[in-house]
Amino acid sequence: MTFQERLFQLRKQKGFSQETLAERMGVSRQAVSKWESGLSNPDINNLVLLSEIFEVSLDELIKGEAPQASEKEETIKIVEVPCSQHYEYKSRHHIGGIPLVHINVGWRGGRFKTHFKAKGIIAVGNIATGLISIGLISVGLFSFGALSFGLLALGGLALGLMLACGGMAAGGIAIGGVALGVFALGGLAVGMFASGGCAIASHIAVGGYARGHIACGDIARGVRIIERHISGSGTVIDSEMMILAIRQEFIGMWAPFREFLIMLYGGW
């Protein structure tokens, strides 16, 4: 039996598709297809990984023969194989054809691989897509990860349509070391309404350095400059001046939103 035939037989015995085997190994489906058709052969690292997945020896995998107890190895060859780990779980319950829970995480050679993708209502994976997603790269309604994108996003780099929190955050409401949003709060905050160490805004800016139409800060640049006073609780905004400035500068603004700004900034 040839290696190609043996590989095909072992895969079928495990009930794996070419795509499933490829995901477990961190290679493309085309690579598995070429191995089975004899167009190419796996390297030594992939051979060892195949033997681990199919739970057979290398002799059994390559030659189709189990090693005999009487056989003696004349030489011992040490092969360094990159450490690999993989775990996948799919719940039996589905909603609209999508699993309720899908977990697919793994790494190889100390590196996380993008082949391990999870898609479910709740998704956890190297790359995760779902209603609630957790992963190195995550996309979902509620998203958590190193790179996260969603309605509500939390991560090192977060992009949220409604709320984003992270080292770098961009969204409707953005909170982070560097924040970009309609409402932005951070060390460096840029938006329509910004607060932070350095705040730059088109409308209202409050911070150590503040630049905006209405600006309030230790260093302030703008059309209307609002002073801050020292009180028993610390430095506070002159609320009367802020309320007056909002009413006078944003006359054409939707009244309920203007009142919200007065409540937000005038109560400091």
C-alpha atoms as a PDB file:
ATOM      1  CA  MET A   1       0.000   0.000   0.000  1.00  0.00           C
ATOM      2  CA  THR A   2       1.425   3.377  -1.002  1.00  0.00           C
ATOM      3  CA  PHE A   3       1.733   6.309   1.366  1.00  0.00           C
ATOM      4  CA  GLN A   4      -1.022   8.157  -0.489  1.00  0.00           C
ATOM      5  CA  GLU A   5      -3.408   5.214  -0.103  1.00  0.00           C
ATOM      6  CA  ARG A   6      -2.470   4.801   3.555  1.00  0.00           C
ATOM      7  CA  LEU A   7      -3.084   8.502   4.254  1.00  0.00           C
ATOM      8  CA  PHE A   8      -6.477   8.360   2.541  1.00  0.00           C
ATOM      9  CA  GLN A   9      -7.411   5.202   4.483  1.00  0.00           C
ATOM     10  CA  LEU A  10      -6.394   6.635   7.860  1.00  0.00           C
ATOM     11  CA  ARG A  11      -8.272   9.869   7.194  1.00  0.00           C
ATOM     12  CA  LYS A  12     -11.442   7.972   6.314  1.00  0.00           C
ATOM     13  CA  GLN A  13     -11.086   5.774   9.411  1.00  0.00           C
ATOM     14  CA  LYS A  14     -11.015   8.894  11.573  1.00  0.00           C
ATOM     15  CA  GLY A  15     -13.979  10.363   9.695  1.00  0.00           C
ATOM     16  CA  PHE A  16     -12.048  13.489   8.744  1.00  0.00           C
ATOM     17  CA  SER A  17     -12.627  15.521   5.617  1.00  0.00           C
ATOM     18  CA  GLN A  18      -9.587  16.973   3.866  1.00  0.00           C
ATOM     19  CA  GLU A  19     -10.556  20.386   5.251  1.00  0.00           C
ATOM     20  CA  THR A  20     -10.830  19.055   8.833  1.00  0.00           C
ATOM     21  CA  LEU A  21      -7.417  17.388   8.638  1.00  0.00           C
ATOM     22  CA  ALA A  22      -5.916  20.548   7.148  1.00  0.00           C
ATOM     23  CA  GLU A  23      -7.311  22.675   9.993  1.00  0.00           C
ATOM     24  CA  ARG A  24      -5.885  20.308  12.618  1.00  0.00           C
ATOM     25  CA  MET A  25      -2.465  20.472  10.988  1.00  0.00           C
ATOM     26  CA  GLY A  26      -2.472  24.168  10.234  1.00  0.00           C
ATOM     27  CA  VAL A  27      -2.070  23.693   6.476  1.00  0.00           C
ATOM     28  CA  SER A  28      -4.302  24.310   3.473  1.00  0.00           C
ATOM     29  CA  ARG A  29      -6.814  21.765   2.156  1.00  0.00           C
ATOM     30  CA  GLN A  30      -4.959  21.830  -1.168  1.00  0.00           C
ATOM     31  CA  ALA A  31      -1.816  20.568   0.584  1.00  0.00           C
ATOM     32  CA  VAL A  32      -3.692  17.529   1.944  1.00  0.00           C
ATOM     33  CA  SER A  33      -5.199  16.907  -1.486  1.00  0.00           C
ATOM     34  CA  LYS A  34      -1.729  16.927  -3.085  1.00  0.00           C
ATOM     35  CA  TRP A  35      -0.405  14.463  -0.498  1.00  0.00           C
ATOM     36  CA  GLU A  36      -3.237  12.032  -1.205  1.00  0.00           C
ATOM     37  CA  SER A  37      -2.849  12.351  -4.972  1.00  0.00           C
ATOM     38  CA  GLY A  38       0.933  11.913  -4.812  1.00  0.00           C
ATOM     39  CA  LEU A  39       1.684  15.340  -6.288  1.00  0.00           C
ATOM     40  CA  SER A  40       3.740  16.235  -3.218  1.00  0.00           C
ATOM     41  CA  ASN A  41       4.863  14.721   0.079  1.00  0.00           C
ATOM     42  CA  PRO A  42       4.638  16.152   3.607  1.00  0.00           C
ATOM     43  CA  ASP A  43       7.872  17.197   5.291  1.00  0.00           C
ATOM     44  CA  ILE A  44       9.184  15.415   8.392  1.00  0.00           C
ATOM     45  CA  ASN A  45       7.374  17.762  10.785  1.00  0.00           C
ATOM     46  CA  ASN A  46       4.045  17.151   9.069  1.00  0.00           C
ATOM     47  CA  LEU A  47       4.703  13.383   8.991  1.00  0.00           C
ATOM     48  CA  VAL A  48       5.215  13.370  12.761  1.00  0.00           C
ATOM     49  CA  LEU A  49       2.074  15.457  13.234  1.00  0.00           C
ATOM     50  CA  LEU A  50       0.098  13.056  11.007  1.00  0.00           C
ATOM     51  CA  SER A  51       1.297  10.094  13.071  1.00  0.00           C
ATOM     52  CA  GLU A  52       0.135  11.862  16.249  1.00  0.00           C
ATOM     53  CA  ILE A  53      -3.278  12.715  14.799  1.00  0.00           C
ATOM     54  CA  PHE A  54      -3.886   9.176  13.472  1.00  0.00           C
ATOM     55  CA  GLU A  55      -2.211   7.569  16.524  1.00  0.00           C
ATOM     56  CA  VAL A  56       0.108   5.366  14.466  1.00  0.00           C
ATOM     57  CA  SER A  57       3.881   5.036  14.240  1.00  0.00           C
ATOM     58  CA  LEU A  58       5.853   6.639  11.426  1.00  0.00           C
ATOM     59  CA  ASP A  59       6.583   3.165   9.970  1.00  0.00           C
ATOM     60  CA  GLU A  60       2.897   2.377   9.994  1.00  0.00           C
ATOM     61  CA  LEU A  61       2.082   5.713   8.372  1.00  0.00           C
ATOM     62  CA  ILE A  62       4.747   5.599   5.667  1.00  0.00           C
ATOM     63  CA  LYS A  63       5.078   1.850   4.977  1.00  0.00           C
ATOM     64  CA  GLY A  64       1.715   0.641   6.187  1.00  0.00           C
ATOM     65  CA  GLU A  65       3.417  -1.834   8.517  1.00  0.00           C
ATOM     66  CA  ALA A  66       3.386  -1.949  12.290  1.00  0.00           C
ATOM     67  CA  PRO A  67       6.887  -2.190  13.794  1.00  0.00           C
ATOM     68  CA  GLN A  68       7.934  -5.707  14.872  1.00  0.00           C
ATOM     69  CA  ALA A  69       9.031  -6.275  18.451  1.00  0.00           C
ATOM     70  CA  SER A  70      12.058  -8.253  17.246  1.00  0.00           C
ATOM     71  CA  GLU A  71      13.322  -5.448  15.053  1.00  0.00           C
ATOM     72  CA  LYS A  72      16.193  -3.442  16.467  1.00  0.00           C
ATOM     73  CA  GLU A  73      17.011   0.106  15.664  1.00  0.00           C
ATOM     74  CA  GLU A  74      20.643   0.442  14.649  1.00  0.00           C
ATOM     75  CA  THR A  75      20.578   4.217  14.846  1.00  0.00           C
ATOM     76  CA  ILE A  76      18.532   6.705  16.767  1.00  0.00           C
ATOM     77  CA  LYS A  77      17.616   9.887  14.970  1.00  0.00           C
ATOM     78  CA  ILE A  78      16.439  12.816  17.036  1.00  0.00           C
ATOM     79  CA  VAL A  79      14.052  15.112  15.241  1.00  0.00           C
ATOM     80  CA  GLU A  80      12.950  18.388  16.743  1.00  0.00           C
ATOM     81  CA  VAL A  81       9.232  18.784  16.185  1.00  0.00           C
ATOM     82  CA  PRO A  82       7.543  22.119  16.861  1.00  0.00           C
ATOM     83  CA  CYS A  83       5.217  21.875  19.841  1.00  0.00           C
ATOM     84  CA  SER A  84       1.623  21.990  18.686  1.00  0.00           C
ATOM     85  CA  GLN A  85      -1.662  22.092  20.526  1.00  0.00           C
ATOM     86  CA  HIS A  86      -5.195  22.243  19.212  1.00  0.00           C
ATOM     87  CA  TYR A  87      -8.634  22.083  20.775  1.00  0.00           C
ATOM     88  CA  GLU A  88     -11.989  22.288  19.043  1.00  0.00           C
ATOM     89  CA  TYR A  89     -15.520  21.951  20.340  1.00  0.00           C
ATOM     90  CA  LYS A  90     -18.864  22.462  18.613  1.00  0.00           C
ATOM     91  CA  SER A  91     -22.112  22.273  20.509  1.00  0.00           C
ATOM     92  CA  ARG A  92     -24.844  20.046  19.141  1.00  0.00           C
ATOM     93  CA  HIS A  93     -27.395  22.812  19.481  1.00  0.00           C
ATOM     94  CA  HIS A  94     -27.683  25.132  16.486  1.00  0.00           C
ATOM     95  CA  ILE A  95     -29.593  28.339  15.830  1.00  0.00           C
ATOM     96  CA  GLY A  96     -30.190  29.113  12.174  1.00  0.00           C
ATOM     97  CA  GLY A  97     -27.581  26.548  11.195  1.00  0.00           C
ATOM     98  CA  ILE A  98     -24.942  28.182  13.416  1.00  0.00           C
ATOM     99  CA  PRO A  99     -23.638  26.289  16.473  1.00  0.00           C
ATOM    100  CA  LEU A 100     -24.553  27.771  19.824  1.00  0.00           C
ATOM    101  CA  VAL A 101     -20.929  27.428  20.970  1.00  0.00           C
ATOM    102  CA  HIS A 102     -17.844  26.926  18.802  1.00  0.00           C
ATOM    103  CA  ILE A 103     -14.357  26.812  20.307  1.00  0.00           C
ATOM    104  CA  ASN A 104     -11.364  26.396  17.995  1.00  0.00           C
ATOM    105  CA  VAL A 105      -7.978  27.378  19.406  1.00  0.00           C
ATOM    106  CA  GLY A 106      -4.457  26.186  18.785  1.00  0.00           C
ATOM    107  CA  TRP A 107      -0.868  26.983  18.092  1.00  0.00           C
ATOM    108  CA  ARG A 108       2.094  25.370  16.463  1.00  0.00           C
ATOM    109  CA  GLY A 109       5.761  25.996  17.065  1.00  0.00           C
ATOM    110  CA  GLY A 110       4.906  28.544  19.745  1.00  0.00           C
ATOM    111  CA  ARG A 111       2.860  30.588  17.271  1.00  0.00           C
ATOM    112  CA  PHE A 112      -0.875  31.008  17.026  1.00  0.00           C
ATOM    113  CA  LYS A 113      -2.224  30.033  13.616  1.00  0.00           C
ATOM    114  CA  THR A 114      -5.004  31.755  11.705  1.00  0.00           C
ATOM    115  CA  HIS A 115      -6.323  28.382  10.452  1.00  0.00           C
ATOM    116  CA  PHE A 116      -8.145  27.860  13.733  1.00  0.00           C
ATOM    117  CA  LYS A 117     -11.346  29.813  13.144  1.00  0.00           C
ATOM    118  CA  ALA A 118     -14.462  29.714  15.296  1.00  0.00           C
ATOM    119  CA  LYS A 119     -17.932  30.703  14.142  1.00  0.00           C
ATOM    120  CA  GLY A 120     -20.929  30.456  16.440  1.00  0.00           C
ATOM    121  CA  ILE A 121     -23.412  32.351  18.565  1.00  0.00           C
ATOM    122  CA  ILE A 122     -20.635  32.229  21.165  1.00  0.00           C
ATOM    123  CA  ALA A 123     -17.284  31.896  19.394  1.00  0.00           C
ATOM    124  CA  VAL A 124     -13.839  31.407  20.937  1.00  0.00           C
ATOM    125  CA  GLY A 125     -10.893  30.952  18.601  1.00  0.00           C
ATOM    126  CA  ASN A 126      -7.705  32.317  17.139  1.00  0.00           C
ATOM    127  CA  ILE A 127     -10.084  34.091  14.778  1.00  0.00           C
ATOM    128  CA  ALA A 128     -13.610  34.304  16.200  1.00  0.00           C
ATOM    129  CA  THR A 129     -16.849  35.426  14.578  1.00  0.00           C
ATOM    130  CA  GLY A 130     -20.119  35.397  16.488  1.00  0.00           C
ATOM    131  CA  LEU A 131     -22.721  37.212  18.529  1.00  0.00           C
ATOM    132  CA  ILE A 132     -20.239  37.043  21.410  1.00  0.00           C
ATOM    133  CA  SER A 133     -16.696  36.548  20.128  1.00  0.00           C
ATOM    134  CA  ILE A 134     -13.405  36.077  21.971  1.00  0.00           C
ATOM    135  CA  GLY A 135     -10.120  35.653  20.133  1.00  0.00           C
ATOM    136  CA  LEU A 136      -6.880  37.118  18.900  1.00  0.00           C
ATOM    137  CA  ILE A 137      -8.976  38.589  16.106  1.00  0.00           C
ATOM    138  CA  SER A 138     -12.650  38.832  17.018  1.00  0.00           C
ATOM    139  CA  VAL A 139     -15.667  40.083  15.102  1.00  0.00           C
ATOM    140  CA  GLY A 140     -19.123  40.164  16.652  1.00  0.00           C
ATOM    141  CA  LEU A 141     -21.865  42.083  18.374  1.00  0.00           C
ATOM    142  CA  PHE A 142     -19.882  41.827  21.627  1.00  0.00           C
ATOM    143  CA  SER A 143     -16.231  41.430  20.742  1.00  0.00           C
ATOM    144  CA  PHE A 144     -13.180  40.811  22.947  1.00  0.00           C
ATOM    145  CA  GLY A 145      -9.634  40.271  21.685  1.00  0.00           C
ATOM    146  CA  ALA A 146      -6.267  41.649  20.693  1.00  0.00           C
ATOM    147  CA  LEU A 147      -7.963  43.002  17.564  1.00  0.00           C
ATOM    148  CA  SER A 148     -11.700  43.369  18.132  1.00  0.00           C
ATOM    149  CA  PHE A 149     -14.442  44.691  15.889  1.00  0.00           C
ATOM    150  CA  GLY A 150     -18.128  44.908  16.788  1.00  0.00           C
ATOM    151  CA  LEU A 151     -21.001  46.906  18.193  1.00  0.00           C
ATOM    152  CA  LEU A 152     -19.286  46.754  21.598  1.00  0.00           C
ATOM    153  CA  ALA A 153     -15.556  46.053  21.321  1.00  0.00           C
ATOM    154  CA  LEU A 154     -12.853  45.549  23.948  1.00  0.00           C
ATOM    155  CA  GLY A 155      -9.233  44.850  23.023  1.00  0.00           C
ATOM    156  CA  GLY A 156      -5.734  46.035  22.343  1.00  0.00           C
ATOM    157  CA  LEU A 157      -7.038  47.586  19.137  1.00  0.00           C
ATOM    158  CA  ALA A 158     -10.813  48.018  19.339  1.00  0.00           C
ATOM    159  CA  LEU A 159     -13.287  49.268  16.758  1.00  0.00           C
ATOM    160  CA  GLY A 160     -16.852  49.524  18.039  1.00  0.00           C
ATOM    161  CA  LEU A 161     -19.824  51.092  16.328  1.00  0.00           C
ATOM    162  CA  MET A 162     -21.337  51.965  19.701  1.00  0.00           C
ATOM    163  CA  LEU A 163     -18.578  51.517  22.316  1.00  0.00           C
ATOM    164  CA  ALA A 164     -14.870  50.739  21.999  1.00  0.00           C
ATOM    165  CA  CYS A 165     -12.382  50.283  24.845  1.00  0.00           C
ATOM    166  CA  GLY A 166      -8.718  49.468  24.359  1.00  0.00           C
ATOM    167  CA  GLY A 167      -5.152  50.606  24.002  1.00  0.00           C
ATOM    168  CA  MET A 168      -6.285  52.142  20.723  1.00  0.00           C
ATOM    169  CA  ALA A 169     -10.038  52.602  20.406  1.00  0.00           C
ATOM    170  CA  ALA A 170     -12.327  54.002  17.739  1.00  0.00           C
ATOM    171  CA  GLY A 171     -16.107  54.131  17.930  1.00  0.00           C
ATOM    172  CA  GLY A 172     -19.203  56.081  18.804  1.00  0.00           C
ATOM    173  CA  ILE A 173     -17.932  56.212  22.382  1.00  0.00           C
ATOM    174  CA  ALA A 174     -14.185  55.514  22.513  1.00  0.00           C
ATOM    175  CA  ILE A 175     -12.126  54.968  25.666  1.00  0.00           C
ATOM    176  CA  GLY A 176      -8.419  54.197  25.467  1.00  0.00           C
ATOM    177  CA  GLY A 177      -4.827  55.303  25.476  1.00  0.00           C
ATOM    178  CA  VAL A 178      -5.542  56.684  22.024  1.00  0.00           C
ATOM    179  CA  ALA A 179      -9.269  57.277  21.485  1.00  0.00           C
ATOM    180  CA  LEU A 180     -11.094  58.403  18.348  1.00  0.00           C
ATOM    181  CA  GLY A 181     -14.870  58.805  18.413  1.00  0.00           C
ATOM    182  CA  VAL A 182     -17.921  61.012  18.669  1.00  0.00           C
ATOM    183  CA  PHE A 183     -17.278  60.959  22.426  1.00  0.00           C
ATOM    184  CA  ALA A 184     -13.598  60.245  23.105  1.00  0.00           C
ATOM    185  CA  LEU A 185     -11.851  59.738  26.444  1.00  0.00           C
ATOM    186  CA  GLY A 186      -8.151  58.917  26.674  1.00  0.00           C
ATOM    187  CA  GLY A 187      -4.547  59.968  26.938  1.00  0.00           C
ATOM    188  CA  LEU A 188      -4.927  61.295  23.400  1.00  0.00           C
ATOM    189  CA  ALA A 189      -8.601  61.878  22.612  1.00  0.00           C
ATOM    190  CA  VAL A 190      -9.888  63.090  19.256  1.00  0.00           C
ATOM    191  CA  GLY A 191     -13.568  63.514  18.412  1.00  0.00           C
ATOM    192  CA  MET A 192     -16.576  65.795  18.406  1.00  0.00           C
ATOM    193  CA  PHE A 193     -16.475  65.786  22.208  1.00  0.00           C
ATOM    194  CA  ALA A 194     -13.101  64.856  23.718  1.00  0.00           C
ATOM    195  CA  SER A 195     -11.668  64.599  27.221  1.00  0.00           C
ATOM    196  CA  GLY A 196      -8.169  63.511  28.224  1.00  0.00           C
ATOM    197  CA  GLY A 197      -4.544  64.414  28.666  1.00  0.00           C
ATOM    198  CA  CYS A 198      -4.551  65.849  25.153  1.00  0.00           C
ATOM    199  CA  ALA A 199      -8.080  66.529  23.886  1.00  0.00           C
ATOM    200  CA  ILE A 200      -8.821  67.704  20.361  1.00  0.00           C
ATOM    201  CA  ALA A 201     -12.462  68.179  19.411  1.00  0.00           C
ATOM    202  CA  SER A 202     -14.635  69.874  16.830  1.00  0.00           C
ATOM    203  CA  HIS A 203     -17.155  70.883  19.515  1.00  0.00           C
ATOM    204  CA  ILE A 204     -16.043  70.543  23.162  1.00  0.00           C
ATOM    205  CA  ALA A 205     -12.559  69.673  24.430  1.00  0.00           C
ATOM    206  CA  VAL A 206     -11.620  69.204  28.092  1.00  0.00           C
ATOM    207  CA  GLY A 207      -8.138  68.160  29.205  1.00  0.00           C
ATOM    208  CA  GLY A 208      -4.596  69.057  30.138  1.00  0.00           C
ATOM    209  CA  TYR A 209      -4.241  70.378  26.599  1.00  0.00           C
ATOM    210  CA  ALA A 210      -7.621  71.195  25.061  1.00  0.00           C
ATOM    211  CA  ARG A 211      -8.328  72.375  21.528  1.00  0.00           C
ATOM    212  CA  GLY A 212     -11.919  72.770  20.359  1.00  0.00           C
ATOM    213  CA  HIS A 213     -14.732  75.191  19.595  1.00  0.00           C
ATOM    214  CA  ILE A 214     -15.340  75.242  23.350  1.00  0.00           C
ATOM    215  CA  ALA A 215     -12.111  74.431  25.197  1.00  0.00           C
ATOM    216  CA  CYS A 216     -11.318  73.952  28.864  1.00  0.00           C
ATOM    217  CA  GLY A 217      -7.858  72.949  30.078  1.00  0.00           C
ATOM    218  CA  ASP A 218      -4.519  73.942  31.551  1.00  0.00           C
ATOM    219  CA  ILE A 219      -3.626  74.917  27.989  1.00  0.00           C
ATOM    220  CA  ALA A 220      -6.775  75.765  26.008  1.00  0.00           C
ATOM    221  CA  ARG A 221      -7.258  76.844  22.407  1.00  0.00           C
ATOM    222  CA  GLY A 222     -10.688  77.603  20.959  1.00  0.00           C
ATOM    223  CA  VAL A 223     -13.451  80.077  20.159  1.00  0.00           C
ATOM    224  CA  ARG A 224     -14.751  79.921  23.744  1.00  0.00           C
ATOM    225  CA  ILE A 225     -12.285  79.286  26.555  1.00  0.00           C
ATOM    226  CA  ILE A 226     -13.754  77.980  29.806  1.00  0.00           C
ATOM    227  CA  GLU A 227     -11.718  78.440  32.950  1.00  0.00           C
ATOM    228  CA  ARG A 228     -11.204  75.878  35.681  1.00  0.00           C
ATOM    229  CA  HIS A 229     -11.114  76.600  39.395  1.00  0.00           C
ATOM    230  CA  ILE A 230      -9.422  74.858  42.297  1.00  0.00           C
ATOM    231  CA  SER A 231     -11.843  73.619  44.948  1.00  0.00           C
ATOM    232  CA  GLY A 232     -11.655  71.272  47.896  1.00  0.00           C
ATOM    233  CA  SER A 233     -12.241  68.284  45.605  1.00  0.00           C
ATOM    234  CA  GLY A 234      -9.656  69.398  43.036  1.00  0.00           C
ATOM    235  CA  THR A 235      -9.805  71.352  39.794  1.00  0.00           C
ATOM    236  CA  VAL A 236     -13.345  71.840  38.468  1.00  0.00           C
ATOM    237  CA  ILE A 237     -14.883  73.444  35.403  1.00  0.00           C
ATOM    238  CA  ASP A 238     -16.694  76.736  35.789  1.00  0.00           C
ATOM    239  CA  SER A 239     -20.091  75.112  35.202  1.00  0.00           C
ATOM    240  CA  GLU A 240     -21.979  78.381  34.710  1.00  0.00           C
ATOM    241  CA  MET A 241     -19.609  79.488  31.948  1.00  0.00           C
ATOM    242  CA  MET A 242     -19.741  76.045  30.330  1.00  0.00           C
ATOM    243  CA  ILE A 243     -23.558  75.952  30.327  1.00  0.00           C
ATOM    244  CA  LEU A 244     -23.730  79.463  28.901  1.00  0.00           C
ATOM    245  CA  ALA A 245     -21.192  78.618  26.191  1.00  0.00           C
ATOM    246  CA  ILE A 246     -23.085  75.472  25.149  1.00  0.00           C
ATOM    247  CA  ARG A 247     -26.374  77.374  24.928  1.00  0.00           C
ATOM    248  CA  GLN A 248     -24.858  80.235  22.932  1.00  0.00           C
ATOM    249  CA  GLU A 249     -22.518  78.312  20.604  1.00  0.00           C
ATOM    250  CA  PHE A 250     -24.802  75.394  19.728  1.00  0.00           C
ATOM    251  CA  ILE A 251     -28.089  77.219  19.093  1.00  0.00           C
ATOM    252  CA  GLY A 252     -28.968  75.092  16.054  1.00  0.00           C
ATOM    253  CA  MET A 253     -28.256  71.785  17.829  1.00  0.00           C
ATOM    254  CA  TRP A 254     -31.134  69.400  18.566  1.00  0.00           C
ATOM    255  CA  ALA A 255     -32.456  70.661  21.907  1.00  0.00           C
ATOM    256  CA  PRO A 256     -32.565  67.301  23.804  1.00  0.00           C
ATOM    257  CA  PHE A 257     -28.956  66.589  22.802  1.00  0.00           C
ATOM    258  CA  ARG A 258     -27.888  70.089  23.826  1.00  0.00           C
ATOM    259  CA  GLU A 259     -29.498  69.555  27.236  1.00  0.00           C
ATOM    260  CA  PHE A 260     -27.629  66.242  27.507  1.00  0.00           C
ATOM    261  CA  LEU A 261     -24.344  68.091  26.900  1.00  0.00           C
ATOM    262  CA  ILE A 262     -25.269  70.634  29.564  1.00  0.00           C
ATOM    263  CA  MET A 263     -25.920  67.796  32.005  1.00  0.00           C
ATOM    264  CA  LEU A 264     -22.663  66.063  30.982  1.00  0.00           C
ATOM    265  CA  TYR A 265     -20.318  69.058  31.073  1.00  0.00           C
ATOM    266  CA  GLY A 266     -22.167  71.541  33.272  1.00  0.00           C
ATOM    267  CA  GLY A 267     -22.174  69.362  36.363  1.00  0.00           C
ATOM    268  CA  TRP A 268     -18.373  69.218  36.769  1.00  0.00           C
END
